Amino acid sequence: MLGLVISDSFKAVVTIYILIPFLVIPNIILSGVIVKFEKLNPNISSPVAIPFYGDFITARWGYEALAVNQFIYNKFENQFYPYDKKMSKAKFKKDYWNVEIKGRLENILNDLKRGSRSTEFNDKLLVVYNEFRKEGLSTPDLKFEFTQALKPDIVSIDIVTAALKYVESLRKHYIDDYNNARDSKDAIVTKFQSDDNSGFLKLRDNYANESLEEFVTNKNESSKIITFKGEIIQKLEPIYMDPKFKFIRAHFYSPTKQIFGKKLDTFVVNVIVLWVITILLYLVLYFRLLKKLLESGEVVIGRNLKNSD
């Protein structure tokens, strides 16, 4: 559709040939495969969601839909995905989140005992407060009762000590979650192998894609965790992470997207977006909007030149 709009709007064939690379190259570079969105200019990108300019790249919607759908719903991974998702969350919490929060709390505790606060005291406390607040929403049964006391003018040694005990209890909770999910997954694997071990291996070889797995799990990403705007952001295994935004917007490789509070598969949402883009381009072509815009621009330029003469 975009090609038809261009060919309809410009008279010279040479002009069309010149424009083609400017249409194709951005779709390749900004599809999310060649260059990760967060690796682009930090002033116009975000580590928690796809930047606005990525929303205009049709290749990004198509590639993400295919990658997510192929990874989750192939005949091999589809059987293990719910357990892999639980294991991924638990692994992040117990191995990365726990260490980060515990380290910040110990630094805060040392400052309080010493009686002098470092320049990073408030920033570290803000991260702990935000993370405890989010954790209370996701696991209300393990909510930290003194979250509101984690503020610079209220926090005390006793509060921080209680917070450290809370973090340890969370670590044990997520260890149990991980072990339970792993046992459930192992039970399926054991059943497969008892029925026909060669059948299990054949299923894995036919449908599991290691290269695709590297992309959707960020396996080669060195930074598994970052701090952004007072929150800890997970960069590990985005394919298992639920979106944090309420309307379509999400991190790259999100398994679902939200529309009016309802979670839909990324494949479905992305295909809808592609159809919307196609319909909009069809209307531009049908009413020859770009051609009319260019012609009106030529008229305005011509008038200005005459006035200047």
Protein backbone atom coordinates (compact mmCIF):
# COMPACT_ATOMS: atom_id res chain seq x y z
CA MET A 1 0.00 0.00 0.00
CA LEU A 2 2.81 2.38 0.82
CA GLY A 3 4.44 1.57 -2.51
CA LEU A 4 1.17 2.29 -4.34
CA VAL A 5 0.80 5.62 -2.52
CA ILE A 6 4.34 6.62 -3.51
CA SER A 7 3.97 5.54 -7.13
CA ASP A 8 0.64 7.38 -7.40
CA SER A 9 1.93 10.60 -5.84
CA PHE A 10 5.18 11.19 -7.73
CA LYS A 11 5.45 11.69 -11.46
CA ALA A 12 9.13 10.89 -12.03
CA VAL A 13 10.22 7.26 -11.86
CA VAL A 14 13.67 8.36 -10.69
CA THR A 15 12.10 10.04 -7.66
CA ILE A 16 10.31 6.80 -6.75
CA TYR A 17 13.54 4.81 -7.05
CA ILE A 18 15.29 7.30 -4.75
CA LEU A 19 12.51 7.09 -2.15
CA ILE A 20 12.40 3.28 -1.98
CA PRO A 21 15.55 2.89 0.20
CA PHE A 22 14.20 5.55 2.59
CA LEU A 23 11.09 3.39 3.02
CA VAL A 24 12.79 0.00 3.23
CA ILE A 25 15.87 0.76 5.36
CA PRO A 26 13.97 2.15 8.40
CA ASN A 27 11.76 -0.95 8.35
CA ILE A 28 14.86 -3.13 8.50
CA ILE A 29 16.81 -1.15 11.10
CA LEU A 30 13.83 -0.33 13.34
CA SER A 31 12.17 -3.74 13.19
CA GLY A 32 13.78 -4.69 16.51
CA VAL A 33 16.00 -7.40 15.02
CA ILE A 34 19.06 -5.52 13.76
CA VAL A 35 19.26 -2.93 16.55
CA LYS A 36 17.46 -3.13 19.87
CA PHE A 37 15.25 -0.16 20.54
CA GLU A 38 16.86 0.63 23.91
CA LYS A 39 20.28 0.78 22.22
CA LEU A 40 19.20 3.78 20.14
CA ASN A 41 19.34 7.40 21.25
CA PRO A 42 18.48 7.33 24.99
CA ASN A 43 16.72 10.69 24.71
CA ILE A 44 14.04 9.21 22.43
CA SER A 45 14.00 5.60 23.63
CA SER A 46 12.98 3.75 26.77
CA PRO A 47 14.12 0.50 28.43
CA VAL A 48 10.57 -0.35 29.50
CA ALA A 49 8.63 0.02 26.25
CA ILE A 50 9.00 0.35 22.50
CA PRO A 51 9.63 4.05 21.63
CA PHE A 52 6.99 6.01 19.71
CA TYR A 53 8.83 5.84 16.39
CA GLY A 54 8.77 2.05 16.57
CA ASP A 55 4.97 2.19 16.40
CA PHE A 56 5.17 3.54 12.85
CA ILE A 57 7.33 0.65 11.60
CA THR A 58 5.16 -2.05 10.07
CA ALA A 59 8.01 -4.58 10.03
CA ARG A 60 8.24 -4.32 13.81
CA TRP A 61 4.56 -5.26 14.27
CA GLY A 62 4.87 -8.14 11.84
CA TYR A 63 8.16 -9.52 13.13
CA GLU A 64 7.15 -9.31 16.79
CA ALA A 65 3.84 -11.06 16.06
CA LEU A 66 5.57 -13.93 14.24
CA ALA A 67 8.42 -14.28 16.75
CA VAL A 68 6.16 -14.35 19.83
CA ASN A 69 3.57 -16.63 18.24
CA GLN A 70 6.16 -19.07 16.92
CA PHE A 71 7.98 -19.31 20.25
CA ILE A 72 4.97 -19.69 22.54
CA TYR A 73 2.64 -21.77 20.40
CA ASN A 74 4.93 -24.24 18.66
CA LYS A 75 4.11 -27.84 19.55
CA PHE A 76 7.10 -28.18 21.87
CA GLU A 77 7.18 -24.96 23.92
CA ASN A 78 3.39 -24.67 24.14
CA GLN A 79 3.36 -27.53 26.65
CA PHE A 80 5.94 -25.94 28.93
CA TYR A 81 5.32 -22.20 28.53
CA PRO A 82 3.14 -21.69 31.66
CA TYR A 83 5.79 -23.40 33.81
CA ASP A 84 8.69 -21.63 32.10
CA LYS A 85 6.92 -18.33 32.75
CA LYS A 86 6.57 -19.05 36.48
CA MET A 87 10.18 -20.22 36.65
CA SER A 88 11.37 -17.10 34.84
CA LYS A 89 9.61 -14.75 37.27
CA ALA A 90 10.81 -16.70 40.29
CA LYS A 91 14.38 -16.85 38.99
CA PHE A 92 14.47 -13.10 38.41
CA LYS A 93 13.08 -12.35 41.86
CA LYS A 94 15.30 -14.71 43.84
CA ASP A 95 18.54 -14.34 41.88
CA TYR A 96 18.55 -10.72 40.66
CA TRP A 97 15.84 -8.63 42.32
CA ASN A 98 16.64 -10.03 45.76
CA VAL A 99 20.34 -9.26 45.50
CA GLU A 100 19.69 -5.72 44.23
CA ILE A 101 17.16 -4.83 46.93
CA LYS A 102 19.14 -6.48 49.71
CA GLY A 103 22.27 -4.56 48.71
CA ARG A 104 20.41 -1.25 48.75
CA LEU A 105 18.83 -1.99 52.13
CA GLU A 106 22.20 -2.91 53.66
CA ASN A 107 23.69 0.36 52.40
CA ILE A 108 20.75 2.28 53.83
CA LEU A 109 21.11 0.45 57.15
CA ASN A 110 24.82 1.25 57.33
CA ASP A 111 24.10 4.94 56.73
CA LEU A 112 21.49 4.98 59.49
CA LYS A 113 23.81 3.27 61.96
CA ARG A 114 26.64 5.63 61.06
CA GLY A 115 24.38 8.65 61.48
CA SER A 116 25.29 10.24 58.13
CA ARG A 117 23.43 9.68 54.88
CA SER A 118 25.24 9.29 51.57
CA THR A 119 24.27 11.26 48.48
CA GLU A 120 22.53 8.17 47.07
CA PHE A 121 20.55 7.44 50.24
CA ASN A 122 17.25 8.90 49.02
CA ASP A 123 17.55 7.33 45.55
CA LYS A 124 18.18 3.89 47.00
CA LEU A 125 15.30 4.27 49.43
CA LEU A 126 12.99 5.36 46.61
CA VAL A 127 13.80 2.22 44.62
CA VAL A 128 13.10 0.01 47.64
CA TYR A 129 9.82 1.83 48.32
CA ASN A 130 8.63 1.50 44.72
CA GLU A 131 9.59 -2.17 44.50
CA PHE A 132 7.91 -3.06 47.81
CA ARG A 133 4.78 -1.24 46.70
CA LYS A 134 4.69 -3.19 43.42
CA GLU A 135 5.41 -6.44 45.23
CA GLY A 136 2.50 -5.78 47.57
CA LEU A 137 0.18 -5.50 44.58
CA SER A 138 1.42 -8.70 42.91
CA THR A 139 1.68 -10.79 46.10
CA PRO A 140 -0.83 -9.30 48.58
CA ASP A 141 -0.43 -12.29 50.93
CA LEU A 142 3.22 -11.28 51.45
CA LYS A 143 2.74 -7.54 51.63
CA PHE A 144 5.27 -5.57 53.68
CA GLU A 145 3.24 -3.76 56.35
CA PHE A 146 5.73 -0.91 56.79
CA THR A 147 6.05 0.14 53.15
CA GLN A 148 4.84 3.69 53.85
CA ALA A 149 7.61 4.06 56.43
CA LEU A 150 10.26 3.65 53.73
CA LYS A 151 10.61 7.39 53.25
CA PRO A 152 13.57 9.65 54.11
CA ASP A 153 11.85 11.47 56.96
CA ILE A 154 10.36 8.32 58.56
CA VAL A 155 12.71 5.42 57.90
CA SER A 156 14.57 3.96 60.86
CA ILE A 157 16.96 1.13 61.69
CA ASP A 158 14.07 -1.07 62.88
CA ILE A 159 12.13 -0.50 59.65
CA VAL A 160 15.12 -1.38 57.47
CA THR A 161 15.86 -4.46 59.58
CA ALA A 162 12.25 -5.60 59.12
CA ALA A 163 12.58 -4.92 55.38
CA LEU A 164 15.64 -7.17 55.17
CA LYS A 165 13.70 -9.98 56.86
CA TYR A 166 10.84 -9.40 54.41
CA VAL A 167 13.22 -9.67 51.45
CA GLU A 168 14.53 -12.96 52.78
CA SER A 169 10.99 -14.31 53.18
CA LEU A 170 10.29 -13.30 49.58
CA ARG A 171 13.39 -15.12 48.41
CA LYS A 172 12.19 -18.32 50.07
CA HIS A 173 8.73 -17.81 48.60
CA TYR A 174 10.10 -17.54 45.07
CA ILE A 175 12.42 -20.50 45.59
CA ASP A 176 9.31 -22.56 46.39
CA ASP A 177 7.53 -21.15 43.33
CA TYR A 178 10.48 -22.04 41.13
CA ASN A 179 10.75 -25.57 42.50
CA ASN A 180 7.01 -26.21 42.11
CA ALA A 181 6.99 -25.00 38.50
CA ARG A 182 10.14 -26.98 37.72
CA ASP A 183 8.62 -30.15 39.21
CA SER A 184 5.47 -29.70 37.12
CA LYS A 185 7.54 -29.25 33.99
CA ASP A 186 9.74 -32.25 34.83
CA ALA A 187 6.61 -34.38 35.28
CA ILE A 188 5.57 -33.64 31.68
CA VAL A 189 9.09 -34.35 30.41
CA THR A 190 9.18 -37.63 32.36
CA LYS A 191 5.82 -38.67 30.90
CA PHE A 192 7.07 -37.96 27.41
CA GLN A 193 10.25 -39.94 27.95
CA SER A 194 8.42 -42.89 29.50
CA ASP A 195 6.07 -43.05 26.52
CA ASP A 196 8.67 -42.59 23.82
CA ASN A 197 12.00 -40.90 24.47
CA SER A 198 12.78 -40.63 20.76
CA GLY A 199 9.40 -38.99 20.23
CA PHE A 200 10.22 -36.29 22.79
CA LEU A 201 13.61 -35.60 21.22
CA LYS A 202 12.07 -35.52 17.76
CA LEU A 203 9.42 -33.05 18.92
CA ARG A 204 12.08 -30.80 20.42
CA ASP A 205 14.31 -30.98 17.35
CA ASN A 206 11.42 -30.27 14.99
CA TYR A 207 9.85 -27.33 16.79
CA ALA A 208 12.31 -25.76 19.28
CA ASN A 209 14.26 -22.90 17.68
CA GLU A 210 17.44 -21.96 19.55
CA SER A 211 18.08 -18.81 17.52
CA LEU A 212 14.55 -17.56 18.12
CA GLU A 213 14.91 -18.37 21.81
CA GLU A 214 18.05 -16.21 22.01
CA PHE A 215 16.10 -13.24 20.63
CA VAL A 216 12.94 -13.49 22.75
CA THR A 217 14.77 -14.28 26.00
CA ASN A 218 17.61 -11.75 25.57
CA LYS A 219 19.98 -14.59 26.32
CA ASN A 220 23.01 -12.67 25.05
CA GLU A 221 22.13 -9.46 26.88
CA SER A 222 24.79 -8.64 29.46
CA SER A 223 22.52 -6.46 31.62
CA LYS A 224 19.84 -8.63 33.18
CA ILE A 225 18.55 -5.85 35.41
CA ILE A 226 18.64 -2.05 35.31
CA THR A 227 17.32 0.83 37.42
CA PHE A 228 15.11 3.34 35.61
CA LYS A 229 13.16 6.22 37.18
CA GLY A 230 13.27 4.76 40.67
CA GLU A 231 12.28 1.24 39.65
CA ILE A 232 14.08 -2.01 38.92
CA ILE A 233 13.50 -3.11 35.34
CA GLN A 234 13.87 -6.71 34.24
CA LYS A 235 15.73 -7.21 30.97
CA LEU A 236 15.87 -10.98 31.36
CA GLU A 237 13.47 -13.13 29.29
CA PRO A 238 10.90 -10.52 28.09
CA ILE A 239 8.85 -13.25 26.42
CA TYR A 240 7.67 -14.34 29.89
CA MET A 241 6.89 -10.83 31.22
CA ASP A 242 3.38 -9.38 31.34
CA PRO A 243 2.93 -5.86 29.91
CA LYS A 244 2.80 -2.93 32.34
CA PHE A 245 0.77 -0.61 30.13
CA LYS A 246 -3.02 -0.66 29.70
CA PHE A 247 -3.46 0.04 25.99
CA ILE A 248 -1.43 -1.83 23.35
CA ARG A 249 1.90 -0.35 24.44
CA ALA A 250 4.29 -2.92 25.88
CA HIS A 251 7.91 -4.02 25.97
CA PHE A 252 9.30 -5.78 22.92
CA TYR A 253 8.45 -9.52 22.73
CA SER A 254 5.62 -9.12 25.25
CA PRO A 255 3.45 -12.29 25.09
CA THR A 256 0.24 -10.26 25.46
CA LYS A 257 -0.99 -6.70 25.11
CA GLN A 258 -3.84 -4.98 26.88
CA ILE A 259 -6.81 -3.40 25.13
CA PHE A 260 -9.36 -1.71 27.39
CA GLY A 261 -8.23 -3.77 30.36
CA LYS A 262 -8.31 -7.13 28.56
CA LYS A 263 -5.20 -9.12 27.70
CA LEU A 264 -4.97 -10.35 24.13
CA ASP A 265 -2.25 -12.34 22.41
CA THR A 266 0.43 -10.17 20.85
CA PHE A 267 -0.16 -11.92 17.53
CA VAL A 268 -3.82 -10.86 17.48
CA VAL A 269 -3.13 -7.26 18.53
CA ASN A 270 -0.24 -6.81 16.09
CA VAL A 271 -2.26 -8.19 13.18
CA ILE A 272 -5.10 -5.77 14.03
CA VAL A 273 -2.60 -2.90 14.04
CA LEU A 274 -1.25 -4.00 10.66
CA TRP A 275 -4.76 -4.03 9.22
CA VAL A 276 -5.44 -0.55 10.64
CA ILE A 277 -2.23 0.75 9.03
CA THR A 278 -3.20 -0.90 5.73
CA ILE A 279 -6.70 0.62 5.79
CA LEU A 280 -5.31 4.07 6.57
CA LEU A 281 -2.87 3.81 3.66
CA TYR A 282 -5.72 2.61 1.43
CA LEU A 283 -7.72 5.73 2.31
CA VAL A 284 -4.68 7.89 1.60
CA LEU A 285 -4.37 6.18 -1.79
CA TYR A 286 -8.11 6.24 -2.56
CA PHE A 287 -8.47 9.95 -1.88
CA ARG A 288 -4.97 10.66 -3.26
CA LEU A 289 -4.15 12.67 -0.15
CA LEU A 290 -0.36 12.64 -0.55
CA LYS A 291 -0.62 13.68 -4.20
CA LYS A 292 -2.96 16.54 -3.30
CA LEU A 293 -0.63 17.60 -0.49
CA LEU A 294 2.36 17.66 -2.82
CA GLU A 295 0.43 19.59 -5.47
CA SER A 296 -0.75 22.17 -2.94
CA GLY A 297 2.85 22.52 -1.76
CA GLU A 298 4.00 23.19 -5.32
CA VAL A 299 1.32 25.85 -5.68
CA VAL A 300 2.39 27.58 -2.46
CA ILE A 301 6.06 27.48 -3.47
CA GLY A 302 5.22 28.84 -6.92
CA ARG A 303 3.29 31.75 -5.44
CA ASN A 304 6.11 32.59 -3.07
CA LEU A 305 8.60 32.60 -5.95
CA LYS A 306 6.41 34.91 -7.97
CA ASN A 307 5.98 37.27 -5.04
CA SER A 308 9.73 37.33 -4.47
CA ASP A 309 10.32 38.21 -8.14
